[in-house]
N, C-alpha and C. Protein backbone atom coordinates (compact mmCIF):
# COMPACT_ATOMS: atom_id res chain seq x y z
N UNK A 1 0.85 -1.19 0.00
CA UNK A 1 0.00 0.00 0.00
C UNK A 1 0.89 1.24 0.00
N UNK A 2 0.60 2.15 -0.88
CA UNK A 2 1.39 3.35 -1.05
C UNK A 2 1.17 4.30 0.13
N UNK A 3 2.21 4.65 0.82
CA UNK A 3 2.10 5.53 1.97
C UNK A 3 1.74 6.96 1.61
N UNK A 4 1.68 7.27 0.30
CA UNK A 4 1.40 8.63 -0.14
C UNK A 4 -0.10 8.94 -0.19
N UNK A 5 -0.93 7.96 0.08
CA UNK A 5 -2.37 8.19 -0.04
C UNK A 5 -2.83 9.25 0.95
N UNK A 6 -3.46 10.29 0.43
CA UNK A 6 -3.94 11.39 1.26
C UNK A 6 -5.39 11.15 1.63
N UNK A 7 -5.71 11.42 2.89
CA UNK A 7 -7.10 11.35 3.31
C UNK A 7 -7.91 12.40 2.56
N UNK A 8 -9.10 12.03 2.14
CA UNK A 8 -10.01 13.01 1.53
C UNK A 8 -10.73 13.77 2.65
N UNK A 9 -11.04 15.02 2.38
CA UNK A 9 -11.87 15.79 3.32
C UNK A 9 -13.30 15.28 3.23
N UNK A 10 -14.12 15.63 4.21
CA UNK A 10 -15.54 15.25 4.17
C UNK A 10 -16.20 15.76 2.89
N UNK A 11 -15.85 16.98 2.49
CA UNK A 11 -16.43 17.56 1.27
C UNK A 11 -16.04 16.74 0.05
N UNK A 12 -14.79 16.30 0.01
CA UNK A 12 -14.33 15.50 -1.13
C UNK A 12 -15.03 14.14 -1.16
N UNK A 13 -15.24 13.56 0.03
CA UNK A 13 -15.96 12.28 0.10
C UNK A 13 -17.39 12.48 -0.38
N UNK A 14 -18.03 13.55 0.09
CA UNK A 14 -19.40 13.85 -0.32
C UNK A 14 -19.50 14.02 -1.83
N UNK A 15 -18.53 14.73 -2.39
CA UNK A 15 -18.51 14.94 -3.84
C UNK A 15 -18.34 13.61 -4.58
N UNK A 16 -17.44 12.77 -4.08
CA UNK A 16 -17.22 11.45 -4.70
C UNK A 16 -18.49 10.62 -4.63
N UNK A 17 -19.18 10.67 -3.48
CA UNK A 17 -20.41 9.88 -3.32
C UNK A 17 -21.51 10.38 -4.26
N UNK A 18 -21.41 11.64 -4.69
CA UNK A 18 -22.34 12.17 -5.69
C UNK A 18 -22.23 11.42 -7.01
N UNK A 19 -21.02 10.89 -7.27
CA UNK A 19 -20.81 10.12 -8.51
C UNK A 19 -20.98 8.62 -8.27
N UNK A 20 -21.10 8.22 -7.03
CA UNK A 20 -21.21 6.80 -6.67
C UNK A 20 -22.53 6.60 -5.93
N UNK A 21 -23.61 6.60 -6.71
CA UNK A 21 -24.95 6.69 -6.12
C UNK A 21 -25.27 5.56 -5.14
N UNK A 22 -24.66 4.40 -5.33
CA UNK A 22 -25.01 3.25 -4.48
C UNK A 22 -24.18 3.19 -3.20
N UNK A 23 -23.25 4.10 -3.05
CA UNK A 23 -22.32 4.06 -1.92
C UNK A 23 -22.75 5.04 -0.85
N UNK A 24 -22.40 4.72 0.40
CA UNK A 24 -22.65 5.65 1.50
C UNK A 24 -21.41 5.71 2.37
N UNK A 25 -21.28 6.81 3.09
CA UNK A 25 -20.15 6.92 4.01
C UNK A 25 -20.53 6.27 5.33
N UNK A 26 -19.60 5.53 5.89
CA UNK A 26 -19.81 4.89 7.18
C UNK A 26 -18.51 5.03 7.96
N UNK A 27 -18.44 6.02 8.83
CA UNK A 27 -17.20 6.28 9.55
C UNK A 27 -16.09 6.57 8.56
N UNK A 28 -14.96 5.89 8.71
CA UNK A 28 -13.83 6.13 7.83
C UNK A 28 -13.82 5.22 6.62
N UNK A 29 -14.99 4.93 6.09
CA UNK A 29 -15.07 4.03 4.94
C UNK A 29 -16.24 4.44 4.06
N UNK A 30 -16.22 3.96 2.81
CA UNK A 30 -17.41 4.04 1.97
C UNK A 30 -17.88 2.60 1.74
N UNK A 31 -19.20 2.44 1.73
CA UNK A 31 -19.80 1.10 1.77
C UNK A 31 -20.89 0.98 0.71
N UNK A 32 -20.92 -0.17 0.04
CA UNK A 32 -22.01 -0.50 -0.87
C UNK A 32 -22.46 -1.92 -0.61
N UNK A 33 -23.76 -2.12 -0.53
CA UNK A 33 -24.34 -3.45 -0.43
C UNK A 33 -25.09 -3.74 -1.73
N UNK A 34 -24.89 -4.92 -2.27
CA UNK A 34 -25.58 -5.32 -3.50
C UNK A 34 -26.20 -6.69 -3.29
N UNK A 35 -27.39 -6.86 -3.83
CA UNK A 35 -28.02 -8.19 -3.80
C UNK A 35 -27.96 -8.77 -5.20
N UNK A 36 -27.26 -9.90 -5.32
CA UNK A 36 -27.08 -10.55 -6.61
C UNK A 36 -28.20 -11.56 -6.84
N UNK A 37 -28.28 -12.07 -8.07
CA UNK A 37 -29.37 -12.98 -8.44
C UNK A 37 -29.26 -14.34 -7.75
N UNK A 38 -28.03 -14.76 -7.46
CA UNK A 38 -27.82 -16.08 -6.87
C UNK A 38 -26.52 -16.07 -6.07
N UNK A 39 -26.34 -17.09 -5.25
CA UNK A 39 -25.10 -17.20 -4.49
C UNK A 39 -23.88 -17.32 -5.42
N UNK A 40 -23.92 -18.21 -6.46
CA UNK A 40 -22.76 -18.29 -7.35
C UNK A 40 -22.43 -16.94 -8.00
N UNK A 41 -23.47 -16.15 -8.32
CA UNK A 41 -23.23 -14.84 -8.94
C UNK A 41 -22.57 -13.89 -7.93
N UNK A 42 -22.98 -13.99 -6.68
CA UNK A 42 -22.35 -13.17 -5.63
C UNK A 42 -20.87 -13.52 -5.52
N UNK A 43 -20.57 -14.81 -5.55
CA UNK A 43 -19.17 -15.25 -5.45
C UNK A 43 -18.39 -14.81 -6.69
N UNK A 44 -19.04 -14.86 -7.85
CA UNK A 44 -18.40 -14.40 -9.09
C UNK A 44 -18.03 -12.92 -8.97
N UNK A 45 -18.96 -12.12 -8.45
CA UNK A 45 -18.70 -10.69 -8.25
C UNK A 45 -17.50 -10.49 -7.33
N UNK A 46 -17.48 -11.24 -6.24
CA UNK A 46 -16.39 -11.13 -5.26
C UNK A 46 -15.06 -11.55 -5.91
N UNK A 47 -15.07 -12.61 -6.69
CA UNK A 47 -13.85 -13.07 -7.36
C UNK A 47 -13.30 -12.02 -8.32
N UNK A 48 -14.20 -11.38 -9.07
CA UNK A 48 -13.76 -10.34 -10.01
C UNK A 48 -13.18 -9.15 -9.26
N UNK A 49 -13.86 -8.75 -8.19
CA UNK A 49 -13.37 -7.63 -7.38
C UNK A 49 -12.02 -7.99 -6.76
N UNK A 50 -11.87 -9.26 -6.34
CA UNK A 50 -10.61 -9.70 -5.75
C UNK A 50 -9.46 -9.56 -6.75
N UNK A 51 -9.71 -9.88 -8.02
CA UNK A 51 -8.68 -9.74 -9.06
C UNK A 51 -8.27 -8.28 -9.23
N UNK A 52 -9.28 -7.40 -9.30
CA UNK A 52 -9.02 -5.97 -9.45
C UNK A 52 -8.24 -5.46 -8.24
N UNK A 53 -8.68 -5.86 -7.05
CA UNK A 53 -8.05 -5.39 -5.81
C UNK A 53 -6.59 -5.83 -5.75
N UNK A 54 -6.34 -7.05 -6.17
CA UNK A 54 -4.99 -7.60 -6.14
C UNK A 54 -4.10 -6.83 -7.13
N UNK A 55 -4.70 -6.53 -8.27
CA UNK A 55 -4.02 -5.75 -9.30
C UNK A 55 -3.67 -4.35 -8.82
N UNK A 56 -4.61 -3.71 -8.12
CA UNK A 56 -4.42 -2.35 -7.61
C UNK A 56 -3.62 -2.36 -6.31
N UNK A 57 -3.44 -3.53 -5.73
CA UNK A 57 -2.87 -3.66 -4.39
C UNK A 57 -3.63 -2.81 -3.38
N UNK A 58 -4.95 -2.80 -3.51
CA UNK A 58 -5.80 -2.08 -2.55
C UNK A 58 -7.06 -2.91 -2.39
N UNK A 59 -7.34 -3.37 -1.18
CA UNK A 59 -8.33 -4.42 -0.96
C UNK A 59 -9.50 -3.93 -0.12
N UNK A 60 -10.73 -4.17 -0.58
CA UNK A 60 -11.89 -3.82 0.23
C UNK A 60 -12.14 -4.90 1.28
N UNK A 61 -12.86 -4.55 2.32
CA UNK A 61 -13.41 -5.57 3.21
C UNK A 61 -14.68 -6.06 2.54
N UNK A 62 -14.86 -7.37 2.50
CA UNK A 62 -16.01 -7.95 1.80
C UNK A 62 -16.77 -8.86 2.75
N UNK A 63 -18.05 -8.64 2.84
CA UNK A 63 -18.92 -9.46 3.69
C UNK A 63 -19.94 -10.14 2.78
N UNK A 64 -19.97 -11.46 2.79
CA UNK A 64 -20.88 -12.21 1.91
C UNK A 64 -21.91 -12.92 2.77
N UNK A 65 -23.18 -12.63 2.52
CA UNK A 65 -24.26 -13.34 3.19
C UNK A 65 -25.23 -13.83 2.12
N UNK A 66 -25.07 -15.06 1.73
CA UNK A 66 -25.84 -15.67 0.65
C UNK A 66 -25.73 -14.80 -0.60
N UNK A 67 -26.80 -14.14 -1.04
CA UNK A 67 -26.73 -13.37 -2.28
C UNK A 67 -26.36 -11.91 -2.04
N UNK A 68 -26.26 -11.52 -0.77
CA UNK A 68 -26.00 -10.13 -0.45
C UNK A 68 -24.52 -9.93 -0.13
N UNK A 69 -23.90 -9.02 -0.85
CA UNK A 69 -22.47 -8.75 -0.67
C UNK A 69 -22.30 -7.29 -0.28
N UNK A 70 -21.52 -7.07 0.77
CA UNK A 70 -21.21 -5.70 1.18
C UNK A 70 -19.72 -5.46 0.99
N UNK A 71 -19.43 -4.40 0.25
CA UNK A 71 -18.05 -3.98 0.01
C UNK A 71 -17.79 -2.73 0.84
N UNK A 72 -16.67 -2.75 1.56
CA UNK A 72 -16.31 -1.62 2.41
C UNK A 72 -14.90 -1.18 2.03
N UNK A 73 -14.77 0.04 1.54
CA UNK A 73 -13.48 0.54 1.07
C UNK A 73 -12.95 1.60 2.03
N UNK A 74 -11.74 1.33 2.52
CA UNK A 74 -11.08 2.25 3.43
C UNK A 74 -9.58 2.04 3.28
N UNK A 75 -8.82 3.10 3.46
CA UNK A 75 -7.36 2.98 3.40
C UNK A 75 -6.84 2.92 4.82
N UNK A 76 -6.58 1.70 5.28
CA UNK A 76 -6.25 1.50 6.70
C UNK A 76 -5.01 2.29 7.09
N UNK A 77 -4.00 2.33 6.22
CA UNK A 77 -2.75 3.02 6.56
C UNK A 77 -2.96 4.52 6.72
N UNK A 78 -3.97 5.07 6.05
CA UNK A 78 -4.24 6.51 6.15
C UNK A 78 -5.32 6.80 7.19
N UNK A 79 -6.02 5.77 7.62
CA UNK A 79 -7.06 5.94 8.64
C UNK A 79 -8.36 6.52 8.12
N UNK A 80 -8.68 6.24 6.87
CA UNK A 80 -9.95 6.74 6.34
C UNK A 80 -10.05 6.57 4.83
N UNK A 81 -10.86 7.43 4.21
CA UNK A 81 -11.14 7.32 2.78
C UNK A 81 -10.13 8.16 2.00
N UNK A 82 -9.53 7.52 0.99
CA UNK A 82 -8.61 8.22 0.08
C UNK A 82 -9.11 8.03 -1.36
N UNK A 83 -8.40 8.68 -2.28
CA UNK A 83 -8.73 8.53 -3.71
C UNK A 83 -8.67 7.06 -4.14
N UNK A 84 -7.83 6.26 -3.50
CA UNK A 84 -7.75 4.83 -3.82
C UNK A 84 -9.09 4.15 -3.61
N UNK A 85 -9.79 4.56 -2.54
CA UNK A 85 -11.08 3.94 -2.22
C UNK A 85 -12.15 4.34 -3.22
N UNK A 86 -12.11 5.61 -3.63
CA UNK A 86 -13.07 6.11 -4.61
C UNK A 86 -12.88 5.39 -5.94
N UNK A 87 -11.62 5.20 -6.34
CA UNK A 87 -11.31 4.47 -7.58
C UNK A 87 -11.79 3.03 -7.48
N UNK A 88 -11.49 2.40 -6.36
CA UNK A 88 -11.89 1.01 -6.17
C UNK A 88 -13.42 0.88 -6.18
N UNK A 89 -14.11 1.81 -5.55
CA UNK A 89 -15.58 1.79 -5.54
C UNK A 89 -16.12 1.85 -6.96
N UNK A 90 -15.53 2.71 -7.79
CA UNK A 90 -15.96 2.79 -9.19
C UNK A 90 -15.72 1.49 -9.93
N UNK A 91 -14.61 0.83 -9.63
CA UNK A 91 -14.30 -0.46 -10.27
C UNK A 91 -15.28 -1.54 -9.80
N UNK A 92 -15.63 -1.51 -8.53
CA UNK A 92 -16.62 -2.46 -7.99
C UNK A 92 -17.97 -2.23 -8.67
N UNK A 93 -18.36 -0.95 -8.84
CA UNK A 93 -19.60 -0.65 -9.56
C UNK A 93 -19.57 -1.25 -10.96
N UNK A 94 -18.41 -1.17 -11.64
CA UNK A 94 -18.29 -1.73 -12.98
C UNK A 94 -18.52 -3.22 -13.00
N UNK A 95 -17.97 -3.92 -12.02
CA UNK A 95 -18.16 -5.37 -11.92
C UNK A 95 -19.64 -5.68 -11.69
N UNK A 96 -20.26 -4.96 -10.76
CA UNK A 96 -21.65 -5.23 -10.41
C UNK A 96 -22.58 -4.90 -11.58
N UNK A 97 -22.22 -3.85 -12.33
CA UNK A 97 -23.02 -3.48 -13.49
C UNK A 97 -23.03 -4.59 -14.53
N UNK A 98 -21.86 -5.22 -14.74
CA UNK A 98 -21.77 -6.34 -15.69
C UNK A 98 -22.68 -7.48 -15.26
N UNK A 99 -22.91 -7.60 -13.96
CA UNK A 99 -23.77 -8.65 -13.43
C UNK A 99 -25.22 -8.16 -13.25
N UNK A 100 -25.52 -7.05 -13.87
CA UNK A 100 -26.91 -6.58 -13.90
C UNK A 100 -27.34 -5.74 -12.71
N UNK A 101 -26.37 -5.24 -11.94
CA UNK A 101 -26.69 -4.38 -10.80
C UNK A 101 -26.58 -2.92 -11.22
N UNK A 102 -27.58 -2.10 -10.94
CA UNK A 102 -27.50 -0.70 -11.34
C UNK A 102 -26.42 0.03 -10.55
N UNK A 103 -25.81 1.04 -11.18
CA UNK A 103 -24.85 1.84 -10.43
C UNK A 103 -25.44 3.20 -10.08
N UNK A 104 -26.66 3.48 -10.56
CA UNK A 104 -27.27 4.77 -10.23
C UNK A 104 -28.36 4.56 -9.19
């Protein structure tokens, strides 16, 4: 994880969430919950996000409960939300959109 990641201000987080309609701020993280069509599809979404996260070297917390998946993006080393989290959230939206989940 790059130590250069700067924490976003509350205003910057709010602005980012304006572009990420399905996300909400929760403490020092941004969070999205999605309900997929089936358990295998939920796992498929998680696997795709895992590949992206590994590629970016920035990993969300993922909670899987049957078809419902919650993604929580936070930069632990910075103690809150950074541009890395906003980018990752957008990439997660892209994965979910391919699986038929709206991003708006």
